[in-house]
Structure formats: C-alpha cells, structure tokens
Amino acid sequence: MFDAPKHEDISNIIEERFGNNIGWPNIVKNVDYCFFPVDNRSSQQDDIIATLMTKIESVVKDADYVKEKRPLTWLRALDELLATKKSSLTLEESFAIAIAKKVETDAVPLFLSFLNER
C-alpha cells in the first residue's frame, strides 16, 4: 500500500530528527526518501524489499573493507569470538581465543583493531 504523502512526511520527520547525526551523510536513500517503506505482510513479493536488497548488495560490494584480504585464521578466530555469545570479552579472553585459533601473536592487536573498526 503506497502512500506518497505519508511516506514524504515520515522521511521529513526522520531527516529532522537525525539529519545532524554524524552518520547521516552515509544514509543510502530510496529515491526520494531516507527510508525504505517495506510492507512486511508482502514478504519477498514486496518490490521495495527487492530494491532494498539490491542497494545493500551495492553498498557492500563498494566497501573497501570487503575487498581487503585477511588470513583465514582471523575468520576462525572471529567465528570463535561470536560463538561465545557474550556481549563483551576482556582483552585477555580475546587474545586467548585468537591465539588458540592460530592468529600470530604479533598480529592479534591488528586483528582486534580491524574488528573494532567494523
């Protein structure tokens, strides 16, 4: 159910509230709106979902960090960090997991810094 005037109002409200945020310049717009009005009842049949998925793929493909090569040990360590399901870990815990997954000791700070930047 497309409602252009309502979507315009919503877009304006979002921009008024968040337009001064430091992250605002990184917003990917949906043609005229700063959001994607998805009809959750339509599931994958909603054209906006297809547009949103295309936009996400485009942004990810263009992101520099996606193109950076990193050792597979870093991915294994990341999987293990995520598997803890903890919201935070100490530096010592993170180091231990990275070392256990064969991240070179001198590369652990770079590995953790890389994760922190993302």
C-alpha atoms as a PDB file:
ATOM      1  CA  MET A   1       0.000   0.000   0.000  1.00  0.00           C
ATOM      2  CA  PHE A   2       1.911   3.023  -1.310  1.00  0.00           C
ATOM      3  CA  ASP A   3       1.069   6.333   0.340  1.00  0.00           C
ATOM      4  CA  ALA A   4       3.379   9.012  -1.123  1.00  0.00           C
ATOM      5  CA  PRO A   5       2.276  11.930   1.108  1.00  0.00           C
ATOM      6  CA  LYS A   6       2.589   9.830   4.260  1.00  0.00           C
ATOM      7  CA  HIS A   7       5.993   8.496   3.187  1.00  0.00           C
ATOM      8  CA  GLU A   8       7.147  12.040   2.447  1.00  0.00           C
ATOM      9  CA  ASP A   9       6.071  13.117   5.958  1.00  0.00           C
ATOM     10  CA  ILE A  10       7.850  10.145   7.547  1.00  0.00           C
ATOM     11  CA  SER A  11      11.015  10.846   5.565  1.00  0.00           C
ATOM     12  CA  ASN A  12      10.952  14.502   6.631  1.00  0.00           C
ATOM     13  CA  ILE A  13      10.488  13.584  10.296  1.00  0.00           C
ATOM     14  CA  ILE A  14      13.397  11.124  10.165  1.00  0.00           C
ATOM     15  CA  GLU A  15      15.633  13.706   8.500  1.00  0.00           C
ATOM     16  CA  GLU A  16      14.657  16.418  11.012  1.00  0.00           C
ATOM     17  CA  ARG A  17      15.469  14.159  13.958  1.00  0.00           C
ATOM     18  CA  PHE A  18      18.631  12.518  12.641  1.00  0.00           C
ATOM     19  CA  GLY A  19      19.909  14.847   9.894  1.00  0.00           C
ATOM     20  CA  ASN A  20      22.548  16.377  12.175  1.00  0.00           C
ATOM     21  CA  ASN A  21      23.900  12.990  13.240  1.00  0.00           C
ATOM     22  CA  ILE A  22      27.499  12.303  12.232  1.00  0.00           C
ATOM     23  CA  GLY A  23      26.375   9.170  10.373  1.00  0.00           C
ATOM     24  CA  TRP A  24      23.692  10.918   8.310  1.00  0.00           C
ATOM     25  CA  PRO A  25      25.893  11.510   5.225  1.00  0.00           C
ATOM     26  CA  ASN A  26      26.219   7.714   4.938  1.00  0.00           C
ATOM     27  CA  ILE A  27      22.484   7.169   4.592  1.00  0.00           C
ATOM     28  CA  VAL A  28      21.574   5.398   1.355  1.00  0.00           C
ATOM     29  CA  LYS A  29      18.359   6.928   0.115  1.00  0.00           C
ATOM     30  CA  ASN A  30      15.474   5.166  -1.543  1.00  0.00           C
ATOM     31  CA  VAL A  31      14.943   7.577  -4.445  1.00  0.00           C
ATOM     32  CA  ASP A  32      13.137  10.418  -2.625  1.00  0.00           C
ATOM     33  CA  TYR A  33      13.002   9.014   0.896  1.00  0.00           C
ATOM     34  CA  CYS A  34      15.600   8.402   3.573  1.00  0.00           C
ATOM     35  CA  PHE A  35      13.982   5.051   4.382  1.00  0.00           C
ATOM     36  CA  PHE A  36      12.573   2.019   2.588  1.00  0.00           C
ATOM     37  CA  PRO A  37       8.802   1.686   3.208  1.00  0.00           C
ATOM     38  CA  VAL A  38       8.514  -2.097   3.394  1.00  0.00           C
ATOM     39  CA  ASP A  39       5.171  -3.869   3.673  1.00  0.00           C
ATOM     40  CA  ASN A  40       6.045  -6.760   5.980  1.00  0.00           C
ATOM     41  CA  ARG A  41       2.831  -8.558   5.055  1.00  0.00           C
ATOM     42  CA  SER A  42       4.008  -8.923   1.454  1.00  0.00           C
ATOM     43  CA  SER A  43       7.264 -10.686   2.344  1.00  0.00           C
ATOM     44  CA  GLN A  44       9.545 -11.261  -0.656  1.00  0.00           C
ATOM     45  CA  GLN A  45       6.800 -10.124  -3.058  1.00  0.00           C
ATOM     46  CA  ASP A  46       7.215  -6.503  -1.917  1.00  0.00           C
ATOM     47  CA  ASP A  47       9.100  -4.623  -4.659  1.00  0.00           C
ATOM     48  CA  ILE A  48      10.708  -2.397  -2.030  1.00  0.00           C
ATOM     49  CA  ILE A  49      12.386  -5.441  -0.456  1.00  0.00           C
ATOM     50  CA  ALA A  50      13.997  -6.258  -3.797  1.00  0.00           C
ATOM     51  CA  THR A  51      15.140  -2.635  -4.109  1.00  0.00           C
ATOM     52  CA  LEU A  52      16.490  -2.679  -0.563  1.00  0.00           C
ATOM     53  CA  MET A  53      18.394  -5.927  -1.148  1.00  0.00           C
ATOM     54  CA  THR A  54      19.915  -4.508  -4.347  1.00  0.00           C
ATOM     55  CA  LYS A  55      21.007  -1.342  -2.503  1.00  0.00           C
ATOM     56  CA  ILE A  56      22.581  -3.385   0.316  1.00  0.00           C
ATOM     57  CA  GLU A  57      24.499  -5.540  -2.166  1.00  0.00           C
ATOM     58  CA  SER A  58      25.712  -2.447  -3.997  1.00  0.00           C
ATOM     59  CA  VAL A  59      26.944  -0.736  -0.831  1.00  0.00           C
ATOM     60  CA  VAL A  60      28.692  -3.882   0.399  1.00  0.00           C
ATOM     61  CA  LYS A  61      30.388  -4.509  -2.956  1.00  0.00           C
ATOM     62  CA  ASP A  62      31.762  -0.962  -2.955  1.00  0.00           C
ATOM     63  CA  ALA A  63      33.023  -1.079   0.651  1.00  0.00           C
ATOM     64  CA  ASP A  64      36.809  -1.156   0.855  1.00  0.00           C
ATOM     65  CA  TYR A  65      36.878  -3.498   3.840  1.00  0.00           C
ATOM     66  CA  VAL A  66      35.098  -6.198   1.822  1.00  0.00           C
ATOM     67  CA  LYS A  67      37.983  -6.225  -0.641  1.00  0.00           C
ATOM     68  CA  GLU A  68      40.746  -6.409   1.975  1.00  0.00           C
ATOM     69  CA  LYS A  69      42.455  -9.768   2.233  1.00  0.00           C
ATOM     70  CA  ARG A  70      42.820 -11.189   5.720  1.00  0.00           C
ATOM     71  CA  PRO A  71      44.170 -14.538   6.926  1.00  0.00           C
ATOM     72  CA  LEU A  72      41.681 -17.378   7.351  1.00  0.00           C
ATOM     73  CA  THR A  73      42.845 -17.674  10.951  1.00  0.00           C
ATOM     74  CA  TRP A  74      41.198 -14.296  11.524  1.00  0.00           C
ATOM     75  CA  LEU A  75      37.859 -15.659  10.302  1.00  0.00           C
ATOM     76  CA  ARG A  76      38.212 -18.720  12.507  1.00  0.00           C
ATOM     77  CA  ALA A  77      39.003 -16.504  15.478  1.00  0.00           C
ATOM     78  CA  LEU A  78      36.050 -14.252  14.675  1.00  0.00           C
ATOM     79  CA  ASP A  79      33.733 -17.286  14.491  1.00  0.00           C
ATOM     80  CA  GLU A  80      35.011 -18.400  17.880  1.00  0.00           C
ATOM     81  CA  LEU A  81      34.568 -14.931  19.395  1.00  0.00           C
ATOM     82  CA  LEU A  82      30.987 -14.835  18.124  1.00  0.00           C
ATOM     83  CA  ALA A  83      30.340 -18.374  19.360  1.00  0.00           C
ATOM     84  CA  THR A  84      30.879 -17.208  22.943  1.00  0.00           C
ATOM     85  CA  LYS A  85      27.584 -15.278  22.562  1.00  0.00           C
ATOM     86  CA  LYS A  86      28.927 -12.777  25.106  1.00  0.00           C
ATOM     87  CA  SER A  87      28.220  -9.079  24.642  1.00  0.00           C
ATOM     88  CA  SER A  88      31.779  -8.274  25.677  1.00  0.00           C
ATOM     89  CA  LEU A  89      35.077 -10.019  26.326  1.00  0.00           C
ATOM     90  CA  THR A  90      38.181  -8.921  28.142  1.00  0.00           C
ATOM     91  CA  LEU A  91      41.298  -8.229  26.149  1.00  0.00           C
ATOM     92  CA  GLU A  92      42.858 -11.324  27.700  1.00  0.00           C
ATOM     93  CA  GLU A  93      39.916 -13.522  26.658  1.00  0.00           C
ATOM     94  CA  SER A  94      40.037 -12.124  23.125  1.00  0.00           C
ATOM     95  CA  PHE A  95      43.789 -12.671  22.908  1.00  0.00           C
ATOM     96  CA  ALA A  96      43.456 -16.259  24.160  1.00  0.00           C
ATOM     97  CA  ILE A  97      40.798 -17.094  21.580  1.00  0.00           C
ATOM     98  CA  ALA A  98      42.806 -15.514  18.751  1.00  0.00           C
ATOM     99  CA  ILE A  99      45.970 -17.382  19.750  1.00  0.00           C
ATOM    100  CA  ALA A 100      44.037 -20.650  20.069  1.00  0.00           C
ATOM    101  CA  LYS A 101      42.795 -20.162  16.501  1.00  0.00           C
ATOM    102  CA  LYS A 102      46.384 -19.671  15.287  1.00  0.00           C
ATOM    103  CA  VAL A 103      46.365 -15.899  14.798  1.00  0.00           C
ATOM    104  CA  GLU A 104      50.028 -14.947  15.082  1.00  0.00           C
ATOM    105  CA  THR A 105      50.737 -13.354  18.461  1.00  0.00           C
ATOM    106  CA  ASP A 106      52.131 -10.146  16.984  1.00  0.00           C
ATOM    107  CA  ALA A 107      49.097  -9.880  14.658  1.00  0.00           C
ATOM    108  CA  VAL A 108      46.453 -10.149  17.411  1.00  0.00           C
ATOM    109  CA  PRO A 109      46.351  -6.375  18.121  1.00  0.00           C
ATOM    110  CA  LEU A 110      45.911  -5.692  14.378  1.00  0.00           C
ATOM    111  CA  PHE A 111      43.192  -8.364  14.190  1.00  0.00           C
ATOM    112  CA  LEU A 112      41.295  -6.899  17.154  1.00  0.00           C
ATOM    113  CA  SER A 113      41.724  -3.374  15.823  1.00  0.00           C
ATOM    114  CA  PHE A 114      40.377  -4.496  12.446  1.00  0.00           C
ATOM    115  CA  LEU A 115      37.273  -5.929  14.138  1.00  0.00           C
ATOM    116  CA  ASN A 116      36.809  -2.826  16.238  1.00  0.00           C
ATOM    117  CA  GLU A 117      36.838  -0.570  13.161  1.00  0.00           C
ATOM    118  CA  ARG A 118      33.994  -2.512  11.592  1.00  0.00           C
END
